[in-house]
Every structure is written in structure tokens, then in C-alpha cells.
Amino acid sequence: MDLIKKKFTKLLVFTLLIFGSCSYSSSDYTEDLGNGYTFISESNSNQFISGPNDTTFVGVVPCSVEAFMHDDFYILARQKENSDCSGKDLSKISAKYWLIDKRMKTTYGPLDSLSYLKKRKELGVPNSLKFKD
């Protein structure tokens, strides 16, 4: 019986070491935005929106998404510059906005604030859909 206890103890310690070494971050989560779109947070600085059949692992809106809103038809996203994870030079646009028409599966962005407001009006995005600041 002692041999079984020793083996069980070793197995338990090994299991705890393996699982204990895995880091957990409370910022890791996903949110379903509908129509195949998902907000993915891998860390506070790596948050992006993935779309239907997105195989880039960068997302249709690359990191880092700092705010987003959505309804049945549209997704609005505001992005802060983070070239570490996007690999794109976004420094030419001071504010980065994205607008996704979920019905047409079309992404507009990055947009400056004036282009973003113009595109909202053009697509008929309701005024009630706005960022909570």
C-alpha cells in the first residue's frame, strides 16, 4: 500500500507542477459579436476582432482594440496604435476607427475621425450605437 501512496503522491506533485506553471491572465477572453465576428482579448495590449473565415490570426481589426460597440448589423471599433502585434504602420493616422457591416461582411478602416463619421452616415449606422467614454 505504501508503494501506491508514493506513486500517487509523485503523480499529484507532478500534475500540480505542470498546471501551476501555466500562467492565467484575467484579460484572456472572447466575446461573440454575431455573424461570425468575435472580439478576442489575449492580453491588455493584444485585443482584436476576428471575422468569418479569418485565417490571418491578426484579425479584421488588428490589435489593439481599445473600445468597441455592436448591434445586429454593425460593429464599431476604436484602435490604439500597437505596432508590436499588428505589424502595420498605423502612425500616419492619429485616431483609428473601424466600421464593420456584418450583413455585407465588409470592413472599413483604419479611418480618421472625419472619415469614420462620414462612413457612419453613409451606411446609416444608428446614432444610438456609439462608444461609451
N, C-alpha and C. Protein backbone atom coordinates (compact mmCIF):
# COMPACT_ATOMS: atom_id res chain seq x y z
N MET A 1 0.82 -1.19 0.00
CA MET A 1 0.00 0.00 0.00
C MET A 1 0.86 1.26 0.00
N ASP A 2 2.03 1.22 0.68
CA ASP A 2 2.92 2.37 0.71
C ASP A 2 3.43 2.74 -0.68
N LEU A 3 3.68 1.74 -1.51
CA LEU A 3 4.15 1.99 -2.86
C LEU A 3 3.10 2.73 -3.68
N ILE A 4 1.85 2.39 -3.51
CA ILE A 4 0.75 3.06 -4.22
C ILE A 4 0.64 4.51 -3.76
N LYS A 5 0.75 4.75 -2.45
CA LYS A 5 0.69 6.12 -1.92
C LYS A 5 1.83 6.97 -2.45
N LYS A 6 3.03 6.40 -2.51
CA LYS A 6 4.19 7.14 -3.01
C LYS A 6 4.00 7.50 -4.49
N LYS A 7 3.54 6.54 -5.28
CA LYS A 7 3.32 6.80 -6.70
C LYS A 7 2.22 7.85 -6.90
N PHE A 8 1.16 7.74 -6.10
CA PHE A 8 0.08 8.72 -6.20
C PHE A 8 0.57 10.10 -5.80
N THR A 9 1.37 10.20 -4.75
CA THR A 9 1.91 11.48 -4.30
C THR A 9 2.81 12.08 -5.37
N LYS A 10 3.66 11.27 -5.98
CA LYS A 10 4.53 11.77 -7.05
C LYS A 10 3.72 12.26 -8.24
N LEU A 11 2.70 11.50 -8.61
CA LEU A 11 1.84 11.89 -9.72
C LEU A 11 1.10 13.19 -9.41
N LEU A 12 0.61 13.32 -8.19
CA LEU A 12 -0.09 14.53 -7.77
C LEU A 12 0.83 15.75 -7.81
N VAL A 13 2.04 15.61 -7.29
CA VAL A 13 3.01 16.72 -7.29
C VAL A 13 3.36 17.09 -8.73
N PHE A 14 3.61 16.10 -9.57
CA PHE A 14 3.93 16.36 -10.97
C PHE A 14 2.79 17.10 -11.67
N THR A 15 1.56 16.66 -11.45
CA THR A 15 0.39 17.29 -12.05
C THR A 15 0.25 18.73 -11.58
N LEU A 16 0.43 18.96 -10.30
CA LEU A 16 0.33 20.32 -9.77
C LEU A 16 1.42 21.23 -10.33
N LEU A 17 2.62 20.69 -10.50
CA LEU A 17 3.70 21.49 -11.09
C LEU A 17 3.40 21.86 -12.53
N ILE A 18 2.87 20.90 -13.27
CA ILE A 18 2.56 21.17 -14.67
C ILE A 18 1.48 22.24 -14.78
N PHE A 19 0.36 22.06 -14.07
CA PHE A 19 -0.73 23.02 -14.15
C PHE A 19 -0.40 24.33 -13.45
N GLY A 20 0.41 24.29 -12.43
CA GLY A 20 0.78 25.50 -11.71
C GLY A 20 1.70 26.39 -12.51
N SER A 21 2.43 25.81 -13.46
CA SER A 21 3.36 26.60 -14.25
C SER A 21 2.66 27.35 -15.38
N CYS A 22 1.44 26.95 -15.69
CA CYS A 22 0.69 27.65 -16.74
C CYS A 22 0.19 28.97 -16.18
N SER A 23 0.46 30.03 -16.92
CA SER A 23 0.01 31.33 -16.42
C SER A 23 -1.42 31.57 -16.84
N TYR A 24 -2.14 32.25 -16.00
CA TYR A 24 -3.52 32.61 -16.28
C TYR A 24 -3.63 34.12 -16.23
N SER A 25 -4.25 34.67 -17.21
CA SER A 25 -4.46 36.12 -17.24
C SER A 25 -5.95 36.39 -17.29
N SER A 26 -6.43 37.24 -16.40
CA SER A 26 -7.86 37.54 -16.37
C SER A 26 -8.28 38.35 -17.59
N SER A 27 -7.30 38.83 -18.37
CA SER A 27 -7.66 39.59 -19.56
C SER A 27 -7.90 38.69 -20.76
N ASP A 28 -7.69 37.38 -20.63
CA ASP A 28 -7.94 36.45 -21.72
C ASP A 28 -9.42 36.11 -21.78
N TYR A 29 -10.09 36.57 -22.84
CA TYR A 29 -11.50 36.21 -23.02
C TYR A 29 -11.92 36.52 -24.45
N THR A 30 -13.08 36.02 -24.80
CA THR A 30 -13.65 36.31 -26.11
C THR A 30 -15.10 36.75 -25.93
N GLU A 31 -15.59 37.49 -26.91
CA GLU A 31 -16.99 37.90 -26.90
C GLU A 31 -17.55 37.73 -28.31
N ASP A 32 -18.64 37.01 -28.42
CA ASP A 32 -19.29 36.80 -29.71
C ASP A 32 -20.00 38.09 -30.12
N LEU A 33 -19.66 38.60 -31.30
CA LEU A 33 -20.25 39.83 -31.81
C LEU A 33 -21.31 39.55 -32.87
N GLY A 34 -21.55 38.31 -33.16
CA GLY A 34 -22.57 37.91 -34.13
C GLY A 34 -22.04 37.81 -35.55
N ASN A 35 -22.72 37.03 -36.37
CA ASN A 35 -22.41 36.86 -37.79
C ASN A 35 -20.97 36.38 -38.04
N GLY A 36 -20.41 35.63 -37.11
CA GLY A 36 -19.06 35.10 -37.28
C GLY A 36 -17.95 36.01 -36.81
N TYR A 37 -18.27 37.14 -36.19
CA TYR A 37 -17.27 38.07 -35.68
C TYR A 37 -17.08 37.84 -34.18
N THR A 38 -15.83 37.94 -33.73
CA THR A 38 -15.50 37.70 -32.33
C THR A 38 -14.47 38.72 -31.86
N PHE A 39 -14.71 39.29 -30.67
CA PHE A 39 -13.69 40.11 -30.01
C PHE A 39 -12.82 39.16 -29.23
N ILE A 40 -11.49 39.26 -29.40
CA ILE A 40 -10.55 38.37 -28.74
C ILE A 40 -9.57 39.20 -27.94
N SER A 41 -9.47 38.91 -26.65
CA SER A 41 -8.51 39.58 -25.78
C SER A 41 -7.51 38.54 -25.29
N GLU A 42 -6.27 38.66 -25.77
CA GLU A 42 -5.21 37.76 -25.32
C GLU A 42 -4.39 38.39 -24.21
N SER A 43 -4.45 39.70 -24.11
CA SER A 43 -3.80 40.46 -23.05
C SER A 43 -4.34 41.89 -23.15
N ASN A 44 -3.94 42.73 -22.22
CA ASN A 44 -4.42 44.12 -22.26
C ASN A 44 -3.92 44.87 -23.49
N SER A 45 -2.81 44.42 -24.06
CA SER A 45 -2.27 45.11 -25.23
C SER A 45 -2.49 44.35 -26.53
N ASN A 46 -3.11 43.19 -26.47
CA ASN A 46 -3.36 42.40 -27.68
C ASN A 46 -4.84 42.02 -27.73
N GLN A 47 -5.64 42.93 -28.24
CA GLN A 47 -7.08 42.73 -28.36
C GLN A 47 -7.47 43.05 -29.80
N PHE A 48 -8.17 42.13 -30.43
CA PHE A 48 -8.53 42.33 -31.83
C PHE A 48 -9.89 41.73 -32.12
N ILE A 49 -10.41 42.03 -33.31
CA ILE A 49 -11.69 41.50 -33.75
C ILE A 49 -11.43 40.59 -34.94
N SER A 50 -11.85 39.35 -34.79
CA SER A 50 -11.71 38.35 -35.85
C SER A 50 -13.04 38.24 -36.59
N GLY A 51 -12.95 37.92 -37.87
CA GLY A 51 -14.16 37.83 -38.67
C GLY A 51 -14.37 36.44 -39.23
N PRO A 52 -15.46 36.25 -39.96
CA PRO A 52 -15.75 34.95 -40.54
C PRO A 52 -14.60 34.48 -41.44
N ASN A 53 -14.21 33.26 -41.25
CA ASN A 53 -13.14 32.64 -42.06
C ASN A 53 -11.83 33.40 -41.98
N ASP A 54 -11.57 34.11 -40.89
CA ASP A 54 -10.32 34.85 -40.70
C ASP A 54 -9.22 33.85 -40.39
N THR A 55 -8.27 33.71 -41.29
CA THR A 55 -7.16 32.78 -41.08
C THR A 55 -5.84 33.50 -40.87
N THR A 56 -5.89 34.82 -40.72
CA THR A 56 -4.66 35.61 -40.59
C THR A 56 -4.09 35.59 -39.18
N PHE A 57 -4.91 35.29 -38.19
CA PHE A 57 -4.55 35.35 -36.77
C PHE A 57 -4.16 36.76 -36.35
N VAL A 58 -4.48 37.75 -37.19
CA VAL A 58 -4.28 39.16 -36.88
C VAL A 58 -5.63 39.82 -36.64
N GLY A 59 -6.65 39.32 -37.32
CA GLY A 59 -7.99 39.85 -37.18
C GLY A 59 -8.34 40.83 -38.28
N VAL A 60 -9.64 41.06 -38.44
CA VAL A 60 -10.08 42.07 -39.40
C VAL A 60 -9.86 43.46 -38.84
N VAL A 61 -9.85 43.59 -37.53
CA VAL A 61 -9.40 44.81 -36.85
C VAL A 61 -8.24 44.38 -35.96
N PRO A 62 -7.01 44.73 -36.37
CA PRO A 62 -5.84 44.27 -35.61
C PRO A 62 -5.72 44.96 -34.26
N CYS A 63 -4.82 44.44 -33.46
CA CYS A 63 -4.65 44.99 -32.12
C CYS A 63 -4.03 46.39 -32.18
N SER A 64 -4.35 47.14 -31.25
CA SER A 64 -5.10 46.74 -30.10
C SER A 64 -6.41 47.54 -30.04
N VAL A 65 -7.51 46.81 -30.00
CA VAL A 65 -8.83 47.43 -29.93
C VAL A 65 -9.03 47.92 -28.50
N GLU A 66 -9.28 49.22 -28.35
CA GLU A 66 -9.46 49.76 -27.01
C GLU A 66 -10.93 49.94 -26.65
N ALA A 67 -11.81 49.99 -27.66
CA ALA A 67 -13.24 50.11 -27.41
C ALA A 67 -13.99 49.57 -28.62
N PHE A 68 -15.14 48.97 -28.35
CA PHE A 68 -15.99 48.51 -29.45
C PHE A 68 -17.43 48.48 -29.00
N MET A 69 -18.32 48.61 -29.97
CA MET A 69 -19.77 48.52 -29.75
C MET A 69 -20.32 47.75 -30.93
N HIS A 70 -21.46 47.08 -30.71
CA HIS A 70 -22.06 46.34 -31.82
C HIS A 70 -23.55 46.20 -31.62
N ASP A 71 -24.23 45.98 -32.74
CA ASP A 71 -25.63 45.64 -32.72
C ASP A 71 -25.81 44.50 -33.73
N ASP A 72 -27.03 44.28 -34.19
CA ASP A 72 -27.27 43.18 -35.13
C ASP A 72 -26.65 43.40 -36.50
N PHE A 73 -26.34 44.66 -36.84
CA PHE A 73 -25.91 44.97 -38.20
C PHE A 73 -24.48 45.50 -38.31
N TYR A 74 -23.99 46.17 -37.25
CA TYR A 74 -22.70 46.85 -37.33
C TYR A 74 -21.82 46.56 -36.11
N ILE A 75 -20.51 46.68 -36.35
CA ILE A 75 -19.53 46.68 -35.27
C ILE A 75 -18.71 47.95 -35.44
N LEU A 76 -18.56 48.71 -34.37
CA LEU A 76 -17.71 49.90 -34.36
C LEU A 76 -16.52 49.59 -33.47
N ALA A 77 -15.33 49.97 -33.90
CA ALA A 77 -14.14 49.72 -33.09
C ALA A 77 -13.23 50.93 -33.12
N ARG A 78 -12.61 51.20 -31.97
CA ARG A 78 -11.60 52.24 -31.86
C ARG A 78 -10.30 51.53 -31.49
N GLN A 79 -9.25 51.88 -32.19
CA GLN A 79 -7.99 51.16 -32.04
C GLN A 79 -6.89 52.11 -31.59
N LYS A 80 -6.09 51.63 -30.66
CA LYS A 80 -4.90 52.40 -30.28
C LYS A 80 -3.70 51.76 -30.97
N GLU A 81 -2.73 52.56 -31.29
CA GLU A 81 -1.57 52.08 -32.03
C GLU A 81 -0.79 51.07 -31.20
N ASN A 82 -0.48 49.95 -31.81
CA ASN A 82 0.34 48.93 -31.18
C ASN A 82 1.02 48.14 -32.28
N SER A 83 2.11 48.66 -32.80
CA SER A 83 2.80 48.02 -33.91
C SER A 83 3.46 46.71 -33.49
N ASP A 84 3.62 46.49 -32.18
CA ASP A 84 4.23 45.25 -31.71
C ASP A 84 3.44 44.02 -32.16
N CYS A 85 2.13 44.14 -32.20
CA CYS A 85 1.34 42.97 -32.55
C CYS A 85 0.64 43.08 -33.89
N SER A 86 0.51 44.26 -34.44
CA SER A 86 -0.19 44.38 -35.72
C SER A 86 0.76 44.25 -36.90
N GLY A 87 2.00 44.67 -36.74
CA GLY A 87 2.95 44.62 -37.83
C GLY A 87 2.67 45.64 -38.91
N LYS A 88 1.70 46.52 -38.71
CA LYS A 88 1.35 47.54 -39.69
C LYS A 88 1.78 48.90 -39.18
N ASP A 89 2.13 49.78 -40.11
CA ASP A 89 2.47 51.14 -39.74
C ASP A 89 1.18 51.96 -39.70
N LEU A 90 0.68 52.19 -38.50
CA LEU A 90 -0.56 52.93 -38.33
C LEU A 90 -0.31 54.34 -37.82
N SER A 91 0.95 54.76 -37.80
CA SER A 91 1.30 56.03 -37.19
C SER A 91 0.83 57.24 -37.98
N LYS A 92 0.44 57.08 -39.24
CA LYS A 92 0.02 58.21 -40.06
C LYS A 92 -1.38 58.69 -39.71
N ILE A 93 -2.13 57.90 -39.00
CA ILE A 93 -3.50 58.26 -38.62
C ILE A 93 -3.52 58.41 -37.10
N SER A 94 -3.88 59.60 -36.60
CA SER A 94 -3.81 59.83 -35.16
C SER A 94 -4.86 59.02 -34.40
N ALA A 95 -6.07 58.97 -34.90
CA ALA A 95 -7.12 58.16 -34.29
C ALA A 95 -7.55 57.12 -35.30
N LYS A 96 -7.67 55.90 -34.87
CA LYS A 96 -8.02 54.82 -35.78
C LYS A 96 -9.40 54.28 -35.44
N TYR A 97 -10.29 54.35 -36.40
CA TYR A 97 -11.64 53.85 -36.23
C TYR A 97 -11.92 52.81 -37.30
N TRP A 98 -12.75 51.84 -36.95
CA TRP A 98 -13.14 50.79 -37.87
C TRP A 98 -14.65 50.63 -37.80
N LEU A 99 -15.23 50.32 -38.94
CA LEU A 99 -16.66 50.09 -39.02
C LEU A 99 -16.86 48.81 -39.83
N ILE A 100 -17.60 47.87 -39.29
CA ILE A 100 -17.86 46.60 -39.96
C ILE A 100 -19.36 46.49 -40.22
N ASP A 101 -19.70 46.27 -41.48
CA ASP A 101 -21.08 45.98 -41.86
C ASP A 101 -21.19 44.45 -41.84
N LYS A 102 -21.84 43.92 -40.82
CA LYS A 102 -21.91 42.47 -40.64
C LYS A 102 -22.74 41.79 -41.73
N ARG A 103 -23.75 42.46 -42.23
CA ARG A 103 -24.59 41.85 -43.27
C ARG A 103 -23.81 41.68 -44.56
N MET A 104 -23.02 42.67 -44.92
CA MET A 104 -22.24 42.63 -46.16
C MET A 104 -20.86 42.01 -45.96
N LYS A 105 -20.51 41.74 -44.68
CA LYS A 105 -19.19 41.21 -44.33
C LYS A 105 -18.08 42.10 -44.91
N THR A 106 -18.25 43.42 -44.70
CA THR A 106 -17.32 44.42 -45.22
C THR A 106 -16.74 45.22 -44.06
N THR A 107 -15.42 45.41 -44.11
CA THR A 107 -14.71 46.17 -43.09
C THR A 107 -14.17 47.46 -43.68
N TYR A 108 -14.41 48.58 -42.98
CA TYR A 108 -13.90 49.89 -43.39
C TYR A 108 -12.93 50.35 -42.31
N GLY A 109 -11.70 50.61 -42.69
CA GLY A 109 -10.73 51.09 -41.73
C GLY A 109 -9.33 50.64 -42.09
N PRO A 110 -8.33 51.25 -41.43
CA PRO A 110 -8.48 52.28 -40.40
C PRO A 110 -8.91 53.62 -41.00
N LEU A 111 -9.75 54.31 -40.25
CA LEU A 111 -10.29 55.59 -40.67
C LEU A 111 -9.94 56.67 -39.65
N ASP A 112 -9.73 57.89 -40.13
CA ASP A 112 -9.61 59.01 -39.19
C ASP A 112 -11.02 59.37 -38.73
N SER A 113 -11.14 60.27 -37.79
CA SER A 113 -12.44 60.56 -37.19
C SER A 113 -13.43 61.13 -38.20
N LEU A 114 -12.99 62.00 -39.11
CA LEU A 114 -13.90 62.58 -40.10
C LEU A 114 -14.39 61.52 -41.09
N SER A 115 -13.50 60.68 -41.57
CA SER A 115 -13.89 59.61 -42.50
C SER A 115 -14.82 58.61 -41.81
N TYR A 116 -14.56 58.36 -40.54
CA TYR A 116 -15.39 57.45 -39.77
C TYR A 116 -16.82 58.00 -39.65
N LEU A 117 -16.95 59.28 -39.30
CA LEU A 117 -18.28 59.89 -39.18
C LEU A 117 -19.01 59.92 -40.52
N LYS A 118 -18.27 60.18 -41.59
CA LYS A 118 -18.86 60.19 -42.94
C LYS A 118 -19.36 58.79 -43.31
N LYS A 119 -18.57 57.76 -43.03
CA LYS A 119 -18.95 56.39 -43.36
C LYS A 119 -20.14 55.94 -42.52
N ARG A 120 -20.19 56.35 -41.26
CA ARG A 120 -21.35 56.05 -40.40
C ARG A 120 -22.63 56.58 -41.04
N LYS A 121 -22.56 57.85 -41.47
CA LYS A 121 -23.74 58.49 -42.07
C LYS A 121 -24.12 57.80 -43.38
N GLU A 122 -23.12 57.51 -44.19
CA GLU A 122 -23.34 56.85 -45.48
C GLU A 122 -24.02 55.49 -45.32
N LEU A 123 -23.61 54.73 -44.31
CA LEU A 123 -24.18 53.39 -44.09
C LEU A 123 -25.47 53.42 -43.27
N GLY A 124 -25.77 54.55 -42.66
CA GLY A 124 -26.98 54.65 -41.85
C GLY A 124 -26.86 53.98 -40.49
N VAL A 125 -25.66 54.03 -39.91
CA VAL A 125 -25.46 53.48 -38.57
C VAL A 125 -26.25 54.32 -37.59
N PRO A 126 -27.10 53.69 -36.76
CA PRO A 126 -27.92 54.48 -35.83
C PRO A 126 -27.09 55.28 -34.84
N ASN A 127 -27.57 56.46 -34.50
CA ASN A 127 -26.87 57.32 -33.54
C ASN A 127 -26.80 56.69 -32.16
N SER A 128 -27.70 55.78 -31.87
CA SER A 128 -27.69 55.12 -30.55
C SER A 128 -26.50 54.18 -30.38
N LEU A 129 -25.88 53.77 -31.48
CA LEU A 129 -24.70 52.90 -31.42
C LEU A 129 -23.46 53.77 -31.39
N LYS A 130 -22.91 53.96 -30.19
CA LYS A 130 -21.74 54.80 -30.03
C LYS A 130 -20.89 54.28 -28.89
N PHE A 131 -19.65 54.73 -28.85
CA PHE A 131 -18.72 54.30 -27.81
C PHE A 131 -19.14 54.88 -26.46
N LYS A 132 -18.94 54.10 -25.43
CA LYS A 132 -19.19 54.58 -24.07
C LYS A 132 -17.89 55.12 -23.53
N ASP A 133 -17.76 56.43 -23.49
CA ASP A 133 -16.50 57.04 -22.99
C ASP A 133 -16.68 57.63 -21.63
